[in-house]
Amino acid sequence: MTVHDARLKQRHTLAEHLAYVSPAILMNDVLAEIAGTGRSRYEDFFYQVDNFHPKWQNFIISRAKMERMLKIEYYDLFPRFHYLENQNTGSSFRIAWGMTGICISAFMLAGFALCGFHRCRVT
């Protein structure tokens, strides 16, 4: 799983660097952060899942070692995962940074368009 996580992190980093080439990617990232499905929340969720996983494994493995079957009566004893919303995931920073990139791209495009319009002569 760690190999997968490392590759995923590399892809996210590459996408983050290339996002400034495409305003569409920037807008997608900004909208994902606003919706709560962005990279910062994704990373926070999986961090919490990684911390919960040993509890779940210990519960199941301890039952298996004792050769106990999992019965419906044990359901209330199962460890439960509860996602705790982290307000400091950096999503506000990502939104602001993405919107800044979109504004810069828009101003550059407008500047190029104005330069092109000045060259055109209407007679």
Protein backbone atom coordinates (compact mmCIF):
# COMPACT_ATOMS: atom_id res chain seq x y z
CA MET A 1 0.00 0.00 0.00
CA THR A 2 2.86 2.40 0.69
CA VAL A 3 4.14 2.02 -2.89
CA HIS A 4 0.71 2.97 -4.15
CA ASP A 5 0.55 5.94 -1.77
CA ALA A 6 3.99 7.13 -2.87
CA ARG A 7 3.04 6.96 -6.55
CA LEU A 8 -0.23 8.72 -5.86
CA LYS A 9 1.64 11.47 -4.01
CA GLN A 10 4.01 11.85 -6.98
CA ARG A 11 1.06 12.16 -9.37
CA HIS A 12 -0.62 14.75 -7.15
CA THR A 13 2.60 16.76 -6.94
CA LEU A 14 3.06 16.63 -10.72
CA ALA A 15 -0.56 17.62 -11.31
CA GLU A 16 -0.16 20.47 -8.84
CA HIS A 17 2.88 21.81 -10.72
CA LEU A 18 1.27 21.43 -14.15
CA ALA A 19 -2.03 22.95 -13.04
CA TYR A 20 -0.74 26.47 -13.66
CA VAL A 21 -0.41 25.65 -17.35
CA SER A 22 -4.13 24.98 -17.56
CA PRO A 23 -6.74 27.25 -15.98
CA ALA A 24 -9.25 24.38 -16.36
CA ILE A 25 -7.20 22.19 -14.00
CA LEU A 26 -6.90 25.08 -11.56
CA MET A 27 -10.65 25.63 -11.63
CA ASN A 28 -11.29 21.92 -11.13
CA ASP A 29 -9.00 21.89 -8.08
CA VAL A 30 -10.66 25.00 -6.63
CA LEU A 31 -14.16 23.59 -7.11
CA ALA A 32 -13.11 20.25 -5.58
CA GLU A 33 -11.74 22.06 -2.50
CA ILE A 34 -14.93 24.13 -2.18
CA ALA A 35 -17.04 20.94 -2.45
CA GLY A 36 -14.94 19.27 0.24
CA THR A 37 -13.58 16.59 -2.09
CA GLY A 38 -10.18 18.13 -2.74
CA ARG A 39 -6.72 16.79 -2.16
CA SER A 40 -6.32 18.22 1.35
CA ARG A 41 -9.44 16.51 2.67
CA TYR A 42 -8.58 13.31 0.80
CA GLU A 43 -5.15 13.19 2.46
CA ASP A 44 -6.65 13.94 5.87
CA PHE A 45 -9.25 11.18 5.47
CA PHE A 46 -6.66 8.57 4.52
CA TYR A 47 -4.42 9.65 7.39
CA GLN A 48 -7.28 8.95 9.77
CA VAL A 49 -8.04 5.63 8.05
CA ASP A 50 -4.39 4.59 8.41
CA ASN A 51 -4.58 5.35 12.14
CA PHE A 52 -7.81 3.36 12.51
CA HIS A 53 -6.66 0.33 10.51
CA PRO A 54 -4.49 -1.25 13.28
CA LYS A 55 -7.46 -1.12 15.70
CA TRP A 56 -9.61 -2.98 13.18
CA GLN A 57 -6.87 -5.49 12.43
CA ASN A 58 -6.22 -6.17 16.13
CA PHE A 59 -9.90 -6.79 16.73
CA ILE A 60 -10.27 -9.25 13.84
CA ILE A 61 -6.91 -10.98 14.36
CA SER A 62 -7.47 -11.42 18.11
CA ARG A 63 -10.81 -13.14 17.36
CA ALA A 64 -9.16 -15.32 14.70
CA LYS A 65 -6.34 -16.38 17.06
CA MET A 66 -8.88 -17.42 19.66
CA GLU A 67 -10.72 -19.22 16.85
CA ARG A 68 -13.89 -17.35 17.65
CA MET A 69 -16.48 -16.91 14.97
CA LEU A 70 -17.80 -13.43 14.40
CA LYS A 71 -21.37 -13.47 15.56
CA ILE A 72 -24.07 -10.88 15.42
CA GLU A 73 -23.68 -10.38 19.20
CA TYR A 74 -20.15 -9.04 18.63
CA TYR A 75 -21.33 -6.35 16.24
CA ASP A 76 -21.53 -3.75 19.00
CA LEU A 77 -17.93 -4.54 19.95
CA PHE A 78 -16.57 -3.80 16.47
CA PRO A 79 -14.25 -0.77 16.40
CA ARG A 80 -15.98 2.09 14.62
CA PHE A 81 -14.38 4.59 12.31
CA HIS A 82 -15.54 8.18 12.73
CA TYR A 83 -14.14 10.81 10.42
CA LEU A 84 -13.21 13.95 12.34
CA GLU A 85 -13.32 17.05 10.20
CA ASN A 86 -10.03 18.90 10.38
CA GLN A 87 -10.47 22.61 9.82
CA ASN A 88 -6.73 23.12 9.32
CA THR A 89 -6.30 20.99 6.18
CA GLY A 90 -5.18 23.98 4.15
CA SER A 91 -8.15 24.01 1.81
CA SER A 92 -8.64 27.78 2.21
CA PHE A 93 -5.05 28.33 1.14
CA ARG A 94 -5.49 26.00 -1.87
CA ILE A 95 -8.67 27.82 -2.90
CA ALA A 96 -7.03 31.24 -2.63
CA TRP A 97 -3.89 30.06 -4.44
CA GLY A 98 -5.92 28.46 -7.23
CA MET A 99 -8.08 31.54 -7.70
CA THR A 100 -4.93 33.67 -7.84
CA GLY A 101 -3.59 31.43 -10.60
CA ILE A 102 -6.87 31.67 -12.51
CA CYS A 103 -6.86 35.49 -12.23
CA ILE A 104 -3.25 35.70 -13.41
CA SER A 105 -4.06 33.45 -16.37
CA ALA A 106 -7.12 35.54 -17.22
CA PHE A 107 -5.14 38.80 -17.08
CA MET A 108 -2.37 37.35 -19.23
CA LEU A 109 -4.90 36.14 -21.79
CA ALA A 110 -6.60 39.55 -21.79
CA GLY A 111 -3.21 41.24 -22.24
CA PHE A 112 -2.36 39.04 -25.22
CA ALA A 113 -5.79 39.71 -26.70
CA LEU A 114 -5.36 43.48 -26.32
CA CYS A 115 -1.95 43.33 -27.99
CA GLY A 116 -3.50 41.39 -30.85
CA PHE A 117 -6.38 43.85 -31.21
CA HIS A 118 -4.00 46.80 -31.42
CA ARG A 119 -2.25 45.19 -34.39
CA CYS A 120 -5.49 44.71 -36.29
CA ARG A 121 -6.47 47.67 -38.42
CA VAL A 122 -10.03 48.12 -39.37
CA THR A 123 -10.46 50.21 -42.47
